[in-house]
């Protein structure tokens, strides 16, 4: 893959989609940070998944195994919570 370009997509929990044209030899961390910058998110406050597996934050796009038209799920972690039944 190396210098060839591929299109990858990001989809968040609100089903908003963002697409990027990236080179296979770019650091994956730069791509993820670029998404966060575009969506005004703090890098590290969201998780990225491809087909249910966490996207590595080290290495290149090619090393992460990303292919043309892959969609990365962007998930904001949920902390805390209360009873699942409000009448409790």
PDB file of N, CA and C in Angstrom:
ATOM      1  N   UNK A   1       0.843  -1.183   0.000  1.00  0.00           N
ATOM      2  CA  UNK A   1       0.000   0.000   0.000  1.00  0.00           C
ATOM      3  C   UNK A   1       0.885   1.242   0.000  1.00  0.00           C
ATOM      4  N   UNK A   2       1.804   1.393   0.921  1.00  0.00           N
ATOM      5  CA  UNK A   2       2.806   2.447   0.920  1.00  0.00           C
ATOM      6  C   UNK A   2       2.278   3.827   0.625  1.00  0.00           C
ATOM      7  N   UNK A   3       2.681   4.358  -0.568  1.00  0.00           N
ATOM      8  CA  UNK A   3       2.309   5.718  -0.939  1.00  0.00           C
ATOM      9  C   UNK A   3       0.931   5.832  -1.574  1.00  0.00           C
ATOM     10  N   UNK A   4       0.280   4.730  -1.884  1.00  0.00           N
ATOM     11  CA  UNK A   4      -1.036   4.815  -2.510  1.00  0.00           C
ATOM     12  C   UNK A   4      -2.049   5.380  -1.520  1.00  0.00           C
ATOM     13  N   UNK A   5      -3.053   6.032  -2.062  1.00  0.00           N
ATOM     14  CA  UNK A   5      -4.068   6.667  -1.220  1.00  0.00           C
ATOM     15  C   UNK A   5      -5.315   5.801  -1.164  1.00  0.00           C
ATOM     16  N   UNK A   6      -5.948   5.819   0.001  1.00  0.00           N
ATOM     17  CA  UNK A   6      -7.223   5.137   0.182  1.00  0.00           C
ATOM     18  C   UNK A   6      -8.191   6.098   0.878  1.00  0.00           C
ATOM     19  N   UNK A   7      -9.460   5.839   0.712  1.00  0.00           N
ATOM     20  CA  UNK A   7     -10.483   6.600   1.418  1.00  0.00           C
ATOM     21  C   UNK A   7     -10.964   5.763   2.593  1.00  0.00           C
ATOM     22  N   UNK A   8     -10.933   6.362   3.774  1.00  0.00           N
ATOM     23  CA  UNK A   8     -11.486   5.705   4.957  1.00  0.00           C
ATOM     24  C   UNK A   8     -12.546   6.618   5.550  1.00  0.00           C
ATOM     25  N   UNK A   9     -13.475   6.025   6.258  1.00  0.00           N
ATOM     26  CA  UNK A   9     -14.546   6.798   6.851  1.00  0.00           C
ATOM     27  C   UNK A   9     -14.576   6.640   8.358  1.00  0.00           C
ATOM     28  N   UNK A  10     -15.154   7.615   8.998  1.00  0.00           N
ATOM     29  CA  UNK A  10     -15.390   7.594  10.441  1.00  0.00           C
ATOM     30  C   UNK A  10     -16.874   7.799  10.643  1.00  0.00           C
ATOM     31  N   UNK A  11     -17.458   7.053  11.559  1.00  0.00           N
ATOM     32  CA  UNK A  11     -18.871   7.227  11.876  1.00  0.00           C
ATOM     33  C   UNK A  11     -19.018   7.246  13.395  1.00  0.00           C
ATOM     34  N   UNK A  12     -19.683   8.286  13.911  1.00  0.00           N
ATOM     35  CA  UNK A  12     -19.832   8.398  15.358  1.00  0.00           C
ATOM     36  C   UNK A  12     -21.191   7.872  15.804  1.00  0.00           C
ATOM     37  N   UNK A  13     -21.455   7.982  17.082  1.00  0.00           N
ATOM     38  CA  UNK A  13     -22.684   7.426  17.652  1.00  0.00           C
ATOM     39  C   UNK A  13     -23.937   8.150  17.170  1.00  0.00           C
ATOM     40  N   UNK A  14     -23.783   9.388  16.707  1.00  0.00           N
ATOM     41  CA  UNK A  14     -24.911  10.135  16.158  1.00  0.00           C
ATOM     42  C   UNK A  14     -25.094   9.823  14.673  1.00  0.00           C
ATOM     43  N   UNK A  15     -24.288   8.896  14.152  1.00  0.00           N
ATOM     44  CA  UNK A  15     -24.323   8.438  12.760  1.00  0.00           C
ATOM     45  C   UNK A  15     -23.812   9.484  11.777  1.00  0.00           C
ATOM     46  N   UNK A  16     -23.048  10.486  12.288  1.00  0.00           N
ATOM     47  CA  UNK A  16     -22.395  11.462  11.418  1.00  0.00           C
ATOM     48  C   UNK A  16     -21.178  10.796  10.785  1.00  0.00           C
ATOM     49  N   UNK A  17     -21.009  10.986   9.487  1.00  0.00           N
ATOM     50  CA  UNK A  17     -19.906  10.366   8.770  1.00  0.00           C
ATOM     51  C   UNK A  17     -18.917  11.412   8.281  1.00  0.00           C
ATOM     52  N   UNK A  18     -17.630  11.073   8.371  1.00  0.00           N
ATOM     53  CA  UNK A  18     -16.542  11.903   7.862  1.00  0.00           C
ATOM     54  C   UNK A  18     -15.645  10.981   7.050  1.00  0.00           C
ATOM     55  N   UNK A  19     -15.221  11.441   5.876  1.00  0.00           N
ATOM     56  CA  UNK A  19     -14.349  10.641   5.026  1.00  0.00           C
ATOM     57  C   UNK A  19     -13.022  11.360   4.837  1.00  0.00           C
ATOM     58  N   UNK A  20     -11.948  10.573   4.761  1.00  0.00           N
ATOM     59  CA  UNK A  20     -10.615  11.128   4.554  1.00  0.00           C
ATOM     60  C   UNK A  20      -9.878  10.313   3.508  1.00  0.00           C
ATOM     61  N   UNK A  21      -9.109  11.012   2.707  1.00  0.00           N
ATOM     62  CA  UNK A  21      -8.222  10.382   1.751  1.00  0.00           C
ATOM     63  C   UNK A  21      -6.839  10.379   2.387  1.00  0.00           C
ATOM     64  N   UNK A  22      -6.293   9.196   2.640  1.00  0.00           N
ATOM     65  CA  UNK A  22      -5.025   9.088   3.367  1.00  0.00           C
ATOM     66  C   UNK A  22      -4.056   8.178   2.619  1.00  0.00           C
ATOM     67  N   UNK A  23      -2.790   8.378   2.890  1.00  0.00           N
ATOM     68  CA  UNK A  23      -1.743   7.515   2.344  1.00  0.00           C
ATOM     69  C   UNK A  23      -1.492   6.365   3.319  1.00  0.00           C
ATOM     70  N   UNK A  24      -1.116   5.232   2.784  1.00  0.00           N
ATOM     71  CA  UNK A  24      -0.863   4.063   3.611  1.00  0.00           C
ATOM     72  C   UNK A  24       0.330   4.209   4.533  1.00  0.00           C
ATOM     73  N   UNK A  25       1.268   5.115   4.174  1.00  0.00           N
ATOM     74  CA  UNK A  25       2.473   5.248   4.999  1.00  0.00           C
ATOM     75  C   UNK A  25       2.382   6.353   6.048  1.00  0.00           C
ATOM     76  N   UNK A  26       1.210   6.978   6.198  1.00  0.00           N
ATOM     77  CA  UNK A  26       1.039   8.006   7.233  1.00  0.00           C
ATOM     78  C   UNK A  26       0.781   7.333   8.576  1.00  0.00           C
ATOM     79  N   UNK A  27       1.245   7.952   9.628  1.00  0.00           N
ATOM     80  CA  UNK A  27       1.028   7.413  10.967  1.00  0.00           C
ATOM     81  C   UNK A  27      -0.460   7.450  11.297  1.00  0.00           C
ATOM     82  N   UNK A  28      -0.981   6.330  11.765  1.00  0.00           N
ATOM     83  CA  UNK A  28      -2.410   6.225  12.090  1.00  0.00           C
ATOM     84  C   UNK A  28      -2.810   7.254  13.141  1.00  0.00           C
ATOM     85  N   UNK A  29      -1.900   7.545  14.066  1.00  0.00           N
ATOM     86  CA  UNK A  29      -2.196   8.517  15.114  1.00  0.00           C
ATOM     87  C   UNK A  29      -2.518   9.887  14.509  1.00  0.00           C
ATOM     88  N   UNK A  30      -1.809  10.265  13.446  1.00  0.00           N
ATOM     89  CA  UNK A  30      -2.073  11.553  12.798  1.00  0.00           C
ATOM     90  C   UNK A  30      -3.470  11.581  12.179  1.00  0.00           C
ATOM     91  N   UNK A  31      -3.902  10.459  11.620  1.00  0.00           N
ATOM     92  CA  UNK A  31      -5.233  10.382  11.016  1.00  0.00           C
ATOM     93  C   UNK A  31      -6.300  10.504  12.099  1.00  0.00           C
ATOM     94  N   UNK A  32      -6.115   9.784  13.197  1.00  0.00           N
ATOM     95  CA  UNK A  32      -7.088   9.839  14.293  1.00  0.00           C
ATOM     96  C   UNK A  32      -7.139  11.229  14.922  1.00  0.00           C
ATOM     97  N   UNK A  33      -5.964  11.852  15.077  1.00  0.00           N
ATOM     98  CA  UNK A  33      -5.923  13.210  15.619  1.00  0.00           C
ATOM     99  C   UNK A  33      -6.598  14.200  14.674  1.00  0.00           C
ATOM    100  N   UNK A  34      -6.418  13.996  13.382  1.00  0.00           N
ATOM    101  CA  UNK A  34      -7.042  14.868  12.390  1.00  0.00           C
ATOM    102  C   UNK A  34      -8.571  14.787  12.490  1.00  0.00           C
ATOM    103  N   UNK A  35      -9.084  13.567  12.679  1.00  0.00           N
ATOM    104  CA  UNK A  35     -10.527  13.411  12.864  1.00  0.00           C
ATOM    105  C   UNK A  35     -10.973  14.185  14.110  1.00  0.00           C
ATOM    106  N   UNK A  36     -10.254  14.013  15.201  1.00  0.00           N
ATOM    107  CA  UNK A  36     -10.614  14.696  16.446  1.00  0.00           C
ATOM    108  C   UNK A  36     -10.580  16.211  16.265  1.00  0.00           C
ATOM    109  N   UNK A  37      -9.569  16.714  15.572  1.00  0.00           N
ATOM    110  CA  UNK A  37      -9.478  18.157  15.327  1.00  0.00           C
ATOM    111  C   UNK A  37     -10.682  18.645  14.533  1.00  0.00           C
ATOM    112  N   UNK A  38     -11.053  17.896  13.502  1.00  0.00           N
ATOM    113  CA  UNK A  38     -12.181  18.291  12.655  1.00  0.00           C
ATOM    114  C   UNK A  38     -13.491  18.308  13.428  1.00  0.00           C
ATOM    115  N   UNK A  39     -13.658  17.376  14.366  1.00  0.00           N
ATOM    116  CA  UNK A  39     -14.896  17.267  15.139  1.00  0.00           C
ATOM    117  C   UNK A  39     -14.806  17.983  16.489  1.00  0.00           C
ATOM    118  N   UNK A  40     -13.717  18.690  16.731  1.00  0.00           N
ATOM    119  CA  UNK A  40     -13.506  19.442  17.974  1.00  0.00           C
ATOM    120  C   UNK A  40     -13.567  18.528  19.199  1.00  0.00           C
ATOM    121  N   UNK A  41     -12.890  17.396  19.098  1.00  0.00           N
ATOM    122  CA  UNK A  41     -12.807  16.439  20.195  1.00  0.00           C
ATOM    123  C   UNK A  41     -11.381  16.403  20.719  1.00  0.00           C
ATOM    124  N   UNK A  42     -11.241  16.089  21.985  1.00  0.00           N
ATOM    125  CA  UNK A  42      -9.906  15.933  22.548  1.00  0.00           C
ATOM    126  C   UNK A  42      -9.430  14.512  22.262  1.00  0.00           C
ATOM    127  N   UNK A  43      -8.275  14.419  21.590  1.00  0.00           N
ATOM    128  CA  UNK A  43      -7.707  13.112  21.277  1.00  0.00           C
ATOM    129  C   UNK A  43      -7.499  12.353  22.584  1.00  0.00           C
ATOM    130  N   UNK A  44      -7.889  11.136  22.627  1.00  0.00           N
ATOM    131  CA  UNK A  44      -7.767  10.342  23.847  1.00  0.00           C
ATOM    132  C   UNK A  44      -9.074  10.237  24.616  1.00  0.00           C
ATOM    133  N   UNK A  45     -10.069  11.048  24.232  1.00  0.00           N
ATOM    134  CA  UNK A  45     -11.357  10.964  24.928  1.00  0.00           C
ATOM    135  C   UNK A  45     -12.346  10.098  24.167  1.00  0.00           C
ATOM    136  N   UNK A  46     -11.947   9.622  22.992  1.00  0.00           N
ATOM    137  CA  UNK A  46     -12.797   8.740  22.197  1.00  0.00           C
ATOM    138  C   UNK A  46     -12.005   7.494  21.820  1.00  0.00           C
ATOM    139  N   UNK A  47     -12.720   6.434  21.534  1.00  0.00           N
ATOM    140  CA  UNK A  47     -12.105   5.186  21.085  1.00  0.00           C
ATOM    141  C   UNK A  47     -12.478   4.957  19.636  1.00  0.00           C
ATOM    142  N   UNK A  48     -11.599   4.287  18.918  1.00  0.00           N
ATOM    143  CA  UNK A  48     -11.792   4.003  17.501  1.00  0.00           C
ATOM    144  C   UNK A  48     -11.800   2.493  17.296  1.00  0.00           C
ATOM    145  N   UNK A  49     -12.813   1.996  16.569  1.00  0.00           N
ATOM    146  CA  UNK A  49     -12.961   0.553  16.337  1.00  0.00           C
ATOM    147  C   UNK A  49     -13.163   0.280  14.850  1.00  0.00           C
ATOM    148  N   UNK A  50     -12.570  -0.807  14.400  1.00  0.00           N
ATOM    149  CA  UNK A  50     -12.770  -1.289  13.041  1.00  0.00           C
ATOM    150  C   UNK A  50     -13.255  -2.718  13.138  1.00  0.00           C
ATOM    151  N   UNK A  51     -14.472  -2.953  12.703  1.00  0.00           N
ATOM    152  CA  UNK A  51     -15.091  -4.274  12.762  1.00  0.00           C
ATOM    153  C   UNK A  51     -15.023  -4.872  14.169  1.00  0.00           C
ATOM    154  N   UNK A  52     -15.270  -4.047  15.170  1.00  0.00           N
ATOM    155  CA  UNK A  52     -15.323  -4.497  16.551  1.00  0.00           C
ATOM    156  C   UNK A  52     -13.991  -4.564  17.263  1.00  0.00           C
ATOM    157  N   UNK A  53     -12.901  -4.326  16.550  1.00  0.00           N
ATOM    158  CA  UNK A  53     -11.569  -4.352  17.157  1.00  0.00           C
ATOM    159  C   UNK A  53     -11.020  -2.941  17.271  1.00  0.00           C
ATOM    160  N   UNK A  54     -10.383  -2.662  18.407  1.00  0.00           N
ATOM    161  CA  UNK A  54      -9.822  -1.337  18.619  1.00  0.00           C
ATOM    162  C   UNK A  54      -8.741  -1.052  17.579  1.00  0.00           C
ATOM    163  N   UNK A  55      -8.768   0.143  17.005  1.00  0.00           N
ATOM    164  CA  UNK A  55      -7.759   0.553  16.038  1.00  0.00           C
ATOM    165  C   UNK A  55      -6.490   0.903  16.807  1.00  0.00           C
ATOM    166  N   UNK A  56      -5.352   0.330  16.417  1.00  0.00           N
ATOM    167  CA  UNK A  56      -4.097   0.656  17.116  1.00  0.00           C
ATOM    168  C   UNK A  56      -3.741   2.121  16.893  1.00  0.00           C
ATOM    169  N   UNK A  57      -3.113   2.722  17.874  1.00  0.00           N
ATOM    170  CA  UNK A  57      -2.731   4.129  17.757  1.00  0.00           C
ATOM    171  C   UNK A  57      -1.262   4.281  17.398  1.00  0.00           C
ATOM    172  N   UNK A  58      -0.616   3.159  17.123  1.00  0.00           N
ATOM    173  CA  UNK A  58       0.790   3.174  16.706  1.00  0.00           C
ATOM    174  C   UNK A  58       0.909   2.530  15.342  1.00  0.00           C
ATOM    175  N   UNK A  59       1.928   2.926  14.613  1.00  0.00           N
ATOM    176  CA  UNK A  59       2.163   2.374  13.299  1.00  0.00           C
ATOM    177  C   UNK A  59       1.492   3.208  12.217  1.00  0.00           C
ATOM    178  N   UNK A  60       1.504   2.663  11.019  1.00  0.00           N
ATOM    179  CA  UNK A  60       0.957   3.376   9.870  1.00  0.00           C
ATOM    180  C   UNK A  60      -0.450   2.870   9.546  1.00  0.00           C
ATOM    181  N   UNK A  61      -1.084   3.563   8.634  1.00  0.00           N
ATOM    182  CA  UNK A  61      -2.406   3.150   8.163  1.00  0.00           C
ATOM    183  C   UNK A  61      -2.321   1.734   7.590  1.00  0.00           C
ATOM    184  N   UNK A  62      -1.281   1.478   6.805  1.00  0.00           N
ATOM    185  CA  UNK A  62      -1.111   0.146   6.203  1.00  0.00           C
ATOM    186  C   UNK A  62      -0.885  -0.909   7.280  1.00  0.00           C
ATOM    187  N   UNK A  63      -0.068  -0.610   8.275  1.00  0.00           N
ATOM    188  CA  UNK A  63       0.198  -1.566   9.351  1.00  0.00           C
ATOM    189  C   UNK A  63      -1.052  -1.843  10.177  1.00  0.00           C
ATOM    190  N   UNK A  64      -1.952  -0.877  10.247  1.00  0.00           N
ATOM    191  CA  UNK A  64      -3.205  -1.065  10.988  1.00  0.00           C
ATOM    192  C   UNK A  64      -4.183  -1.928  10.199  1.00  0.00           C
ATOM    193  N   UNK A  65      -3.848  -2.194   8.931  1.00  0.00           N
ATOM    194  CA  UNK A  65      -4.699  -3.052   8.115  1.00  0.00           C
ATOM    195  C   UNK A  65      -5.892  -2.356   7.490  1.00  0.00           C
ATOM    196  N   UNK A  66      -5.869  -1.025   7.458  1.00  0.00           N
ATOM    197  CA  UNK A  66      -6.987  -0.296   6.870  1.00  0.00           C
ATOM    198  C   UNK A  66      -6.974  -0.438   5.352  1.00  0.00           C
ATOM    199  N   UNK A  67      -8.159  -0.621   4.795  1.00  0.00           N
ATOM    200  CA  UNK A  67      -8.324  -0.794   3.356  1.00  0.00           C
ATOM    201  C   UNK A  67      -9.315   0.232   2.822  1.00  0.00           C
ATOM    202  N   UNK A  68      -9.368   0.333   1.517  1.00  0.00           N
ATOM    203  CA  UNK A  68     -10.280   1.255   0.843  1.00  0.00           C
ATOM    204  C   UNK A  68     -11.700   1.087   1.375  1.00  0.00           C
ATOM    205  N   UNK A  69     -12.324   2.212   1.707  1.00  0.00           N
ATOM    206  CA  UNK A  69     -13.717   2.297   2.172  1.00  0.00           C
ATOM    207  C   UNK A  69     -13.981   1.650   3.529  1.00  0.00           C
ATOM    208  N   UNK A  70     -12.944   1.372   4.319  1.00  0.00           N
ATOM    209  CA  UNK A  70     -13.177   0.904   5.689  1.00  0.00           C
ATOM    210  C   UNK A  70     -13.852   2.014   6.478  1.00  0.00           C
ATOM    211  N   UNK A  71     -14.773   1.620   7.363  1.00  0.00           N
ATOM    212  CA  UNK A  71     -15.453   2.579   8.236  1.00  0.00           C
ATOM    213  C   UNK A  71     -14.996   2.331   9.674  1.00  0.00           C
ATOM    214  N   UNK A  72     -14.516   3.381  10.300  1.00  0.00           N
ATOM    215  CA  UNK A  72     -14.057   3.315  11.686  1.00  0.00           C
ATOM    216  C   UNK A  72     -15.164   3.862  12.572  1.00  0.00           C
ATOM    217  N   UNK A  73     -15.554   3.080  13.568  1.00  0.00           N
ATOM    218  CA  UNK A  73     -16.555   3.523  14.534  1.00  0.00           C
ATOM    219  C   UNK A  73     -15.874   4.376  15.593  1.00  0.00           C
ATOM    220  N   UNK A  74     -16.447   5.536  15.876  1.00  0.00           N
ATOM    221  CA  UNK A  74     -15.926   6.443  16.892  1.00  0.00           C
ATOM    222  C   UNK A  74     -16.871   6.380  18.081  1.00  0.00           C
ATOM    223  N   UNK A  75     -16.330   6.000  19.224  1.00  0.00           N
ATOM    224  CA  UNK A  75     -17.165   5.772  20.402  1.00  0.00           C
ATOM    225  C   UNK A  75     -16.631   6.603  21.572  1.00  0.00           C
ATOM    226  N   UNK A  76     -17.521   7.378  22.161  1.00  0.00           N
ATOM    227  CA  UNK A  76     -17.180   8.114  23.373  1.00  0.00           C
ATOM    228  C   UNK A  76     -17.516   7.220  24.560  1.00  0.00           C
ATOM    229  N   UNK A  77     -16.538   6.999  25.441  1.00  0.00           N
ATOM    230  CA  UNK A  77     -16.825   6.137  26.585  1.00  0.00           C
ATOM    231  C   UNK A  77     -17.900   6.735  27.490  1.00  0.00           C
ATOM    232  N   UNK A  78     -18.663   5.866  28.113  1.00  0.00           N
ATOM    233  CA  UNK A  78     -19.728   6.281  29.036  1.00  0.00           C
ATOM    234  C   UNK A  78     -19.279   5.918  30.443  1.00  0.00           C
ATOM    235  N   UNK A  79     -19.314   6.892  31.333  1.00  0.00           N
ATOM    236  CA  UNK A  79     -18.904   6.653  32.710  1.00  0.00           C
ATOM    237  C   UNK A  79     -20.099   6.845  33.640  1.00  0.00           C
ATOM    238  N   UNK A  80     -20.063   6.131  34.751  1.00  0.00           N
ATOM    239  CA  UNK A  80     -21.108   6.303  35.744  1.00  0.00           C
ATOM    240  C   UNK A  80     -22.382   5.608  35.319  1.00  0.00           C
ATOM    241  N   UNK A  81     -23.459   6.156  35.741  1.00  0.00           N
ATOM    242  CA  UNK A  81     -24.747   5.568  35.411  1.00  0.00           C
ATOM    243  C   UNK A  81     -25.557   5.389  36.668  1.00  0.00           C
ATOM    244  N   UNK A  82     -26.716   4.970  36.481  1.00  0.00           N
ATOM    245  CA  UNK A  82     -27.617   4.763  37.595  1.00  0.00           C
ATOM    246  C   UNK A  82     -28.373   3.482  37.385  1.00  0.00           C
ATOM    247  N   UNK A  83     -29.414   3.307  38.148  1.00  0.00           N
ATOM    248  CA  UNK A  83     -30.187   2.088  37.984  1.00  0.00           C
ATOM    249  C   UNK A  83     -30.843   2.030  36.615  1.00  0.00           C
ATOM    250  N   UNK A  84     -30.913   0.838  36.063  1.00  0.00           N
ATOM    251  CA  UNK A  84     -31.537   0.693  34.746  1.00  0.00           C
ATOM    252  C   UNK A  84     -33.049   0.843  34.828  1.00  0.00           C
ATOM    253  N   UNK A  85     -33.612   0.668  36.011  1.00  0.00           N
ATOM    254  CA  UNK A  85     -35.032   0.826  36.220  1.00  0.00           C
ATOM    255  C   UNK A  85     -35.255   2.059  37.085  1.00  0.00           C
ATOM    256  N   UNK A  86     -35.785   3.154  36.514  1.00  0.00           N
ATOM    257  CA  UNK A  86     -35.923   4.391  37.262  1.00  0.00           C
ATOM    258  C   UNK A  86     -36.808   4.270  38.522  1.00  0.00           C
ATOM    259  N   UNK A  87     -37.609   3.230  38.617  1.00  0.00           N
ATOM    260  CA  UNK A  87     -38.469   3.104  39.788  1.00  0.00           C
ATOM    261  C   UNK A  87     -37.733   2.505  40.986  1.00  0.00           C
ATOM    262  N   UNK A  88     -36.454   2.171  40.817  1.00  0.00           N
ATOM    263  CA  UNK A  88     -35.671   1.581  41.927  1.00  0.00           C
ATOM    264  C   UNK A  88     -35.335   2.618  42.965  1.00  0.00           C
TER     265      UNK A  88
END
